[in-house]
Amino acid sequence: QVQLVESGGGLVQAGGSLRLSCAASGRMLSRYVLGWFRQAPGKEREFIAGITYIGGSTRYADSVKGRFTISRDNARSTTYLQMNSLKPEDTAVYYCVCGLSGGQITTPEGGYSYWGQGTQVTVSS
């Protein structure tokens, strides 16, 4: 069992930056994939970024590529999402996720068994 707790959300102006953190507790398996999803009002939840627990391979959604960076600190059991050049359309609830995901970074929600409670990010224009 893995528990995930996000922090770092808030209100920022367009063009600004935020860093989200996700603290994990419980047993982490070497084949786990860590990641972030988001859900904007009236829209479906979407994959944003993922990183493998071992090796640190990454994958990004096209909408955030070049602006967002995912990283992890295994010693601290923490995953980060650095968000730069934020846009109003980035406004959403951001969720930290963890799962076996077949050992690869996949985009469907079903690949991730563990979810945080979510943290709100609001980007004003």
Protein backbone atom coordinates (compact mmCIF):
# COMPACT_ATOMS: atom_id res chain seq x y z
CA GLN A 1 0.00 0.00 0.00
CA VAL A 2 1.24 3.47 -0.92
CA GLN A 3 -0.05 6.80 0.35
CA LEU A 4 0.52 10.00 -1.62
CA VAL A 5 0.21 13.58 -0.36
CA GLU A 6 0.53 16.53 -2.72
CA SER A 7 1.52 20.07 -1.81
CA GLY A 8 2.58 23.26 -3.53
CA GLY A 9 -0.55 24.27 -5.41
CA GLY A 10 -1.87 27.80 -5.39
CA LEU A 11 -2.65 30.91 -7.40
CA VAL A 12 -0.11 32.29 -9.87
CA GLN A 13 -0.17 34.77 -12.73
CA ALA A 14 0.25 33.66 -16.31
CA GLY A 15 3.92 33.24 -17.13
CA GLY A 16 4.79 32.36 -13.56
CA SER A 17 6.03 29.15 -11.98
CA LEU A 18 5.00 26.68 -9.32
CA ARG A 19 6.54 23.49 -7.99
CA LEU A 20 4.31 20.67 -6.83
CA SER A 21 5.57 18.03 -4.44
CA CYS A 22 4.25 14.55 -3.76
CA ALA A 23 5.38 12.73 -0.65
CA ALA A 24 4.98 8.97 -0.74
CA SER A 25 4.80 6.59 2.17
CA GLY A 26 4.60 2.82 2.15
CA ARG A 27 6.46 0.20 0.23
CA MET A 28 7.85 1.42 -3.10
CA LEU A 29 8.56 -1.26 -5.66
CA SER A 30 11.39 -0.85 -8.15
CA ARG A 31 9.00 -1.22 -11.11
CA TYR A 32 6.74 1.61 -9.97
CA VAL A 33 5.99 4.56 -12.19
CA LEU A 34 5.27 7.92 -10.56
CA GLY A 35 3.35 10.65 -12.28
CA TRP A 36 0.93 13.53 -12.39
CA PHE A 37 -2.54 13.89 -13.84
CA ARG A 38 -4.77 16.95 -13.87
CA GLN A 39 -8.46 17.67 -14.22
CA ALA A 40 -9.79 21.03 -15.32
CA PRO A 41 -13.42 22.06 -14.68
CA GLY A 42 -15.72 20.32 -17.12
CA LYS A 43 -12.93 18.24 -18.63
CA GLU A 44 -11.70 14.70 -18.28
CA ARG A 45 -8.67 13.89 -16.18
CA GLU A 46 -5.53 13.82 -18.31
CA PHE A 47 -2.00 12.48 -18.00
CA ILE A 48 0.62 15.22 -17.61
CA ALA A 49 3.95 13.60 -16.82
CA GLY A 50 5.48 10.38 -15.57
CA ILE A 51 8.83 9.11 -14.33
CA THR A 52 10.12 5.64 -13.56
CA TYR A 53 11.09 4.97 -9.95
CA ILE A 54 14.35 3.35 -11.03
CA GLY A 55 16.23 4.92 -13.91
CA GLY A 56 14.31 8.16 -14.04
CA SER A 57 12.94 7.84 -17.58
CA THR A 58 10.32 10.50 -18.25
CA ARG A 59 7.33 11.10 -20.48
CA TYR A 60 5.24 14.25 -20.95
CA ALA A 61 1.96 15.23 -22.50
CA ASP A 62 2.42 17.42 -25.56
CA SER A 63 0.53 20.24 -23.83
CA VAL A 64 3.23 20.64 -21.17
CA LYS A 65 6.37 19.47 -22.94
CA GLY A 66 9.14 22.05 -22.61
CA ARG A 67 7.37 23.86 -19.76
CA PHE A 68 6.95 21.21 -17.05
CA THR A 69 9.65 18.99 -15.57
CA ILE A 70 9.06 15.90 -13.46
CA SER A 71 11.72 14.62 -11.09
CA ARG A 72 11.99 12.37 -8.07
CA ASP A 73 14.13 12.06 -4.99
CA ASN A 74 13.94 8.43 -3.94
CA ALA A 75 15.83 9.08 -0.71
CA ARG A 76 13.09 11.51 0.30
CA SER A 77 10.31 9.45 -1.32
CA THR A 78 9.19 12.61 -3.07
CA THR A 79 8.18 13.37 -6.64
CA TYR A 80 8.21 16.91 -7.99
CA LEU A 81 6.53 18.72 -10.85
CA GLN A 82 8.22 21.99 -11.77
CA MET A 83 5.79 24.07 -13.80
CA ASN A 84 7.13 27.07 -15.73
CA SER A 85 5.54 29.48 -18.20
CA LEU A 86 2.14 28.70 -16.76
CA LYS A 87 -0.96 29.47 -18.81
CA PRO A 88 -4.58 29.99 -17.75
CA GLU A 89 -5.41 26.67 -19.44
CA ASP A 90 -3.12 24.94 -16.92
CA THR A 91 -5.70 25.71 -14.24
CA ALA A 92 -6.81 22.38 -12.78
CA VAL A 93 -6.65 20.05 -9.83
CA TYR A 94 -3.36 18.19 -10.04
CA TYR A 95 -3.09 14.61 -8.80
CA CYS A 96 0.01 12.64 -7.93
CA VAL A 97 -0.14 8.99 -8.97
CA CYS A 98 1.84 5.81 -8.53
CA GLY A 99 1.48 2.37 -10.00
CA LEU A 100 3.09 -0.54 -11.75
CA SER A 101 1.67 0.63 -15.08
CA GLY A 102 3.19 -2.43 -16.69
CA GLY A 103 6.60 -1.11 -15.73
CA GLN A 104 6.30 1.60 -18.38
CA ILE A 105 4.97 5.16 -18.32
CA THR A 106 1.46 4.88 -19.70
CA THR A 107 -1.22 7.52 -20.00
CA PRO A 108 -4.49 5.79 -19.05
CA GLU A 109 -5.68 6.32 -15.49
CA GLY A 110 -6.08 2.59 -15.04
CA GLY A 111 -2.33 2.12 -15.03
CA TYR A 112 -2.04 3.81 -11.67
CA SER A 113 -3.34 2.21 -8.49
CA TYR A 114 -2.52 4.95 -6.02
CA TRP A 115 -3.72 8.55 -6.14
CA GLY A 116 -3.19 11.59 -3.97
CA GLN A 117 -6.05 13.82 -2.84
CA GLY A 118 -5.23 16.51 -5.40
CA THR A 119 -3.99 20.08 -5.17
CA GLN A 120 -5.53 23.09 -6.91
CA VAL A 121 -3.47 25.14 -9.34
CA THR A 122 -5.04 28.36 -10.61
CA VAL A 123 -3.36 30.50 -13.25
CA SER A 124 -4.77 33.99 -13.70
CA SER A 125 -4.53 35.89 -16.97
